[in-house]
Amino acid sequence: MPARLSIVIPCLNEGELLEQCLGGLQFFRSRGHELILVDGGSDESLVSQLSPYVDQLLVTSPGRARQMNLGAFKASGDLLWFLHADTWVDRGLEGVIAPLSQDAPVWGRFDVRFSGSHPMLRVVERMMNWRSRFSGIATGDQGIFMHRRLFDQVGGFPEQPLMEDIEISRRLKRIAFPVCLRQHLVTSSRRWESRGILQTILLMWALRLGYWLGVSPGRLAKRYNH
């Protein structure tokens, strides 16, 4: 029997991108899956406009890991699926993720595709997807999913200001290697394009290297947000 999904989306002042994301997920709601939006302090009028699009609208202090953990705590589905607010999902993915085995602990992610047309974005996509498939480490842009018992077993997302996706992947990988699905999620390329694609590549490499070398997530977050 296919799993019932609880789709958890953390947000903070995402506006039009979030509305597009939620609109594309209404098909999943029509199929009996649950959609949970966890706001970290957006403008109240914006959030109230979006409440009809979700099954649960939760509010907490900002922090992506904290928001995702709250959504998971309130979720009722068998399979937790964490999506970023600037991601678009094709309805056909319901037939890929929902039938995942309930007999063994399963977690994984999708391949990612950026919304922009710059040729360098195609290179970045391939690098991200290849690296993830080789290393067993997933990023939030790839739509991490896991059975609830696995989420509980690793204690959820570590509530740190950056690299929470890397850290939970490390913990999950000790239990089972991820299912790396080749179907694509589309995520906004706005941050890559606004900062400069090459500059963002170098920044992300530096942040990852720093994390592997033991630099605190707090220090890395300051550099990321600078």
Protein backbone atom coordinates (compact mmCIF):
# COMPACT_ATOMS: atom_id res chain seq x y z
CA MET A 1 0.00 0.00 0.00
CA PRO A 2 1.46 3.42 -0.91
CA ALA A 3 2.64 5.58 1.95
CA ARG A 4 0.75 8.67 3.03
CA LEU A 5 3.07 11.64 2.63
CA SER A 6 3.47 14.52 5.02
CA ILE A 7 5.08 17.32 2.99
CA VAL A 8 6.79 19.83 5.29
CA ILE A 9 7.80 23.26 3.97
CA PRO A 10 9.65 25.80 6.15
CA CYS A 11 9.23 29.40 5.00
CA LEU A 12 10.13 32.98 5.83
CA ASN A 13 8.83 35.81 3.61
CA GLU A 14 8.98 33.79 0.39
CA GLY A 15 5.98 35.50 -1.24
CA GLU A 16 5.19 34.58 -4.84
CA LEU A 17 7.66 31.69 -4.98
CA LEU A 18 5.96 30.02 -2.03
CA GLU A 19 2.52 30.51 -3.58
CA GLN A 20 3.73 28.79 -6.76
CA CYS A 21 5.19 25.96 -4.72
CA LEU A 22 1.99 25.38 -2.75
CA GLY A 23 -0.16 25.65 -5.86
CA GLY A 24 1.77 22.86 -7.50
CA LEU A 25 1.29 20.63 -4.45
CA GLN A 26 -2.51 20.78 -4.40
CA PHE A 27 -2.59 17.63 -6.51
CA PHE A 28 -0.89 15.79 -3.66
CA ARG A 29 -3.55 17.01 -1.23
CA SER A 30 -6.25 15.75 -3.60
CA ARG A 31 -4.59 12.35 -3.37
CA GLY A 32 -4.89 12.29 0.42
CA HIS A 33 -1.41 13.49 1.32
CA GLU A 34 -0.78 16.13 3.98
CA LEU A 35 0.78 19.55 3.37
CA ILE A 36 2.30 21.39 6.34
CA LEU A 37 3.66 24.94 6.13
CA VAL A 38 5.89 26.07 9.00
CA ASP A 39 6.42 29.82 9.08
CA GLY A 40 9.36 31.41 10.84
CA GLY A 41 7.95 34.92 11.25
CA SER A 42 6.72 36.16 7.87
CA ASP A 43 4.34 39.07 7.43
CA GLU A 44 1.08 37.92 9.01
CA SER A 45 -1.13 38.98 6.10
CA LEU A 46 0.98 36.98 3.65
CA VAL A 47 0.78 33.82 5.73
CA SER A 48 -2.98 34.08 6.25
CA GLN A 49 -3.48 34.29 2.47
CA LEU A 50 -1.73 30.94 2.08
CA SER A 51 -3.53 29.04 4.83
CA PRO A 52 -6.20 27.61 2.45
CA TYR A 53 -3.42 25.90 0.50
CA VAL A 54 -2.25 23.74 3.41
CA ASP A 55 -3.62 21.25 5.92
CA GLN A 56 -1.63 22.72 8.80
CA LEU A 57 -0.12 26.19 9.17
CA LEU A 58 2.36 26.34 12.04
CA VAL A 59 4.33 29.30 13.35
CA THR A 60 7.59 29.23 15.30
CA SER A 61 10.78 31.23 15.69
CA PRO A 62 13.00 31.33 12.58
CA GLY A 63 15.45 28.53 11.87
CA ARG A 64 14.98 26.03 9.06
CA ALA A 65 15.87 22.99 11.18
CA ARG A 66 13.58 24.09 14.01
CA GLN A 67 10.74 24.70 11.57
CA MET A 68 11.14 21.31 9.87
CA ASN A 69 11.30 19.51 13.21
CA LEU A 70 8.06 21.16 14.33
CA GLY A 71 6.36 20.19 11.08
CA ALA A 72 7.53 16.60 11.45
CA PHE A 73 6.30 16.49 15.06
CA LYS A 74 2.83 17.58 13.96
CA ALA A 75 2.74 15.37 10.85
CA SER A 76 0.51 12.32 10.59
CA GLY A 77 1.94 10.69 7.46
CA ASP A 78 4.12 7.61 7.14
CA LEU A 79 6.73 9.30 4.96
CA LEU A 80 8.11 12.77 5.71
CA TRP A 81 9.13 14.87 2.69
CA PHE A 82 10.93 18.16 3.31
CA LEU A 83 10.77 20.76 0.55
CA HIS A 84 12.14 24.27 0.25
CA ALA A 85 9.65 27.07 -0.35
CA ASP A 86 11.22 27.96 -3.73
CA THR A 87 10.88 24.45 -5.18
CA TRP A 88 8.38 23.22 -7.77
CA VAL A 89 7.21 19.61 -7.87
CA ASP A 90 5.73 17.76 -10.82
CA ARG A 91 2.59 15.83 -9.89
CA GLY A 92 4.06 12.72 -11.50
CA LEU A 93 6.49 12.39 -8.59
CA GLU A 94 3.62 11.17 -6.40
CA GLY A 95 3.80 7.85 -8.21
CA VAL A 96 7.53 7.63 -7.52
CA ILE A 97 7.79 8.53 -3.84
CA ALA A 98 4.55 7.20 -2.33
CA PRO A 99 5.15 3.51 -3.23
CA LEU A 100 8.54 3.37 -1.47
CA SER A 101 8.86 0.25 0.66
CA GLN A 102 7.36 0.25 4.14
CA ASP A 103 9.18 -2.98 5.02
CA ALA A 104 12.60 -1.39 5.57
CA PRO A 105 13.76 2.06 6.66
CA VAL A 106 14.08 4.22 3.56
CA TRP A 107 15.35 7.74 3.04
CA GLY A 108 16.57 9.61 0.00
CA ARG A 109 16.29 12.55 -2.34
CA PHE A 110 15.58 13.59 -5.93
CA ASP A 111 17.90 15.07 -8.51
CA VAL A 112 17.73 18.85 -8.67
CA ARG A 113 17.32 21.21 -11.62
CA PHE A 114 17.65 25.00 -11.41
CA SER A 115 15.04 27.29 -12.92
CA GLY A 116 17.51 29.54 -14.74
CA SER A 117 18.86 29.04 -18.26
CA HIS A 118 22.53 29.93 -17.76
CA PRO A 119 24.78 27.08 -19.03
CA MET A 120 26.79 27.09 -15.80
CA LEU A 121 23.67 26.14 -13.87
CA ARG A 122 23.52 22.90 -15.85
CA VAL A 123 27.07 22.17 -14.71
CA VAL A 124 26.20 22.93 -11.09
CA GLU A 125 23.16 20.63 -11.24
CA ARG A 126 25.20 17.73 -12.56
CA MET A 127 27.90 18.24 -9.97
CA MET A 128 25.39 18.38 -7.11
CA ASN A 129 23.52 15.28 -8.26
CA TRP A 130 26.66 13.29 -9.00
CA ARG A 131 28.32 14.24 -5.72
CA SER A 132 25.22 13.30 -3.75
CA ARG A 133 24.89 9.96 -5.50
CA PHE A 134 28.55 9.18 -4.84
CA SER A 135 28.75 10.42 -1.24
CA GLY A 136 25.30 9.57 0.09
CA ILE A 137 24.88 13.15 1.33
CA ALA A 138 21.75 15.05 0.29
CA THR A 139 20.99 18.77 0.29
CA GLY A 140 17.71 20.47 1.07
CA ASP A 141 17.28 21.57 -2.55
CA GLN A 142 16.99 17.89 -3.48
CA GLY A 143 13.85 17.33 -1.40
CA ILE A 144 15.00 14.98 1.36
CA PHE A 145 12.44 12.34 2.37
CA MET A 146 12.44 9.62 5.04
CA HIS A 147 10.16 7.29 6.90
CA ARG A 148 9.09 8.67 10.25
CA ARG A 149 10.82 5.94 12.23
CA LEU A 150 14.14 6.93 10.66
CA PHE A 151 13.51 10.58 11.48
CA ASP A 152 12.82 9.65 15.09
CA GLN A 153 15.79 7.31 15.22
CA VAL A 154 18.29 10.05 14.31
CA GLY A 155 16.57 12.67 16.47
CA GLY A 156 15.36 14.86 13.60
CA PHE A 157 17.32 17.74 12.12
CA PRO A 158 20.06 19.15 14.33
CA GLU A 159 18.94 22.66 15.24
CA GLN A 160 21.96 24.48 13.87
CA PRO A 161 21.95 27.60 11.65
CA LEU A 162 23.50 25.95 8.58
CA MET A 163 24.33 22.50 7.18
CA GLU A 164 21.44 20.79 8.95
CA ASP A 165 20.78 18.84 5.75
CA ILE A 166 24.38 17.64 5.60
CA GLU A 167 24.36 16.59 9.23
CA ILE A 168 21.11 14.63 9.10
CA SER A 169 22.36 12.92 5.93
CA ARG A 170 25.48 11.83 7.81
CA ARG A 171 23.36 10.33 10.58
CA LEU A 172 20.92 8.64 8.23
CA LYS A 173 23.70 7.19 6.10
CA ARG A 174 24.95 5.23 9.11
CA ILE A 175 21.62 3.38 9.05
CA ALA A 176 20.97 3.06 5.31
CA PHE A 177 22.37 4.49 2.08
CA PRO A 178 19.94 6.93 0.45
CA VAL A 179 17.64 6.20 -2.45
CA CYS A 180 18.85 8.67 -5.09
CA LEU A 181 15.93 9.19 -7.46
CA ARG A 182 16.77 10.56 -10.90
CA GLN A 183 13.48 12.41 -11.36
CA HIS A 184 13.91 16.17 -10.96
CA LEU A 185 12.71 18.82 -8.58
CA VAL A 186 12.99 22.35 -9.97
CA THR A 187 14.38 24.94 -7.56
CA SER A 188 14.79 28.67 -8.01
CA SER A 189 18.21 29.80 -9.21
CA ARG A 190 17.72 33.34 -7.83
CA ARG A 191 20.40 33.09 -5.14
CA TRP A 192 22.96 31.66 -7.54
CA GLU A 193 22.27 34.35 -10.12
CA SER A 194 22.08 37.29 -7.70
CA ARG A 195 25.38 36.44 -6.02
CA GLY A 196 27.09 35.29 -9.20
CA ILE A 197 27.22 31.63 -10.17
CA LEU A 198 31.00 31.20 -9.95
CA GLN A 199 31.18 33.16 -6.70
CA THR A 200 28.42 30.99 -5.22
CA ILE A 201 30.18 27.79 -6.27
CA LEU A 202 33.37 28.92 -4.54
CA LEU A 203 31.45 30.01 -1.46
CA MET A 204 29.62 26.70 -1.15
CA TRP A 205 32.84 24.73 -1.56
CA ALA A 206 34.47 26.83 1.14
CA LEU A 207 31.53 26.38 3.50
CA ARG A 208 31.44 22.63 2.99
CA LEU A 209 35.19 22.32 3.49
CA GLY A 210 34.95 24.39 6.64
CA TYR A 211 32.18 22.17 7.97
CA TRP A 212 34.12 18.98 7.28
CA LEU A 213 37.11 20.54 9.07
CA GLY A 214 35.00 21.26 12.13
CA VAL A 215 34.20 24.97 11.79
CA SER A 216 31.05 25.72 13.78
CA PRO A 217 27.76 26.10 11.85
CA GLY A 218 27.31 29.50 13.51
CA ARG A 219 30.54 30.86 12.03
CA LEU A 220 29.71 29.37 8.64
CA ALA A 221 26.23 30.91 8.71
CA LYS A 222 27.71 34.37 9.31
CA ARG A 223 29.89 33.93 6.23
CA TYR A 224 26.98 32.62 4.15
CA ASN A 225 24.75 35.55 5.11
CA HIS A 226 27.46 38.20 4.75
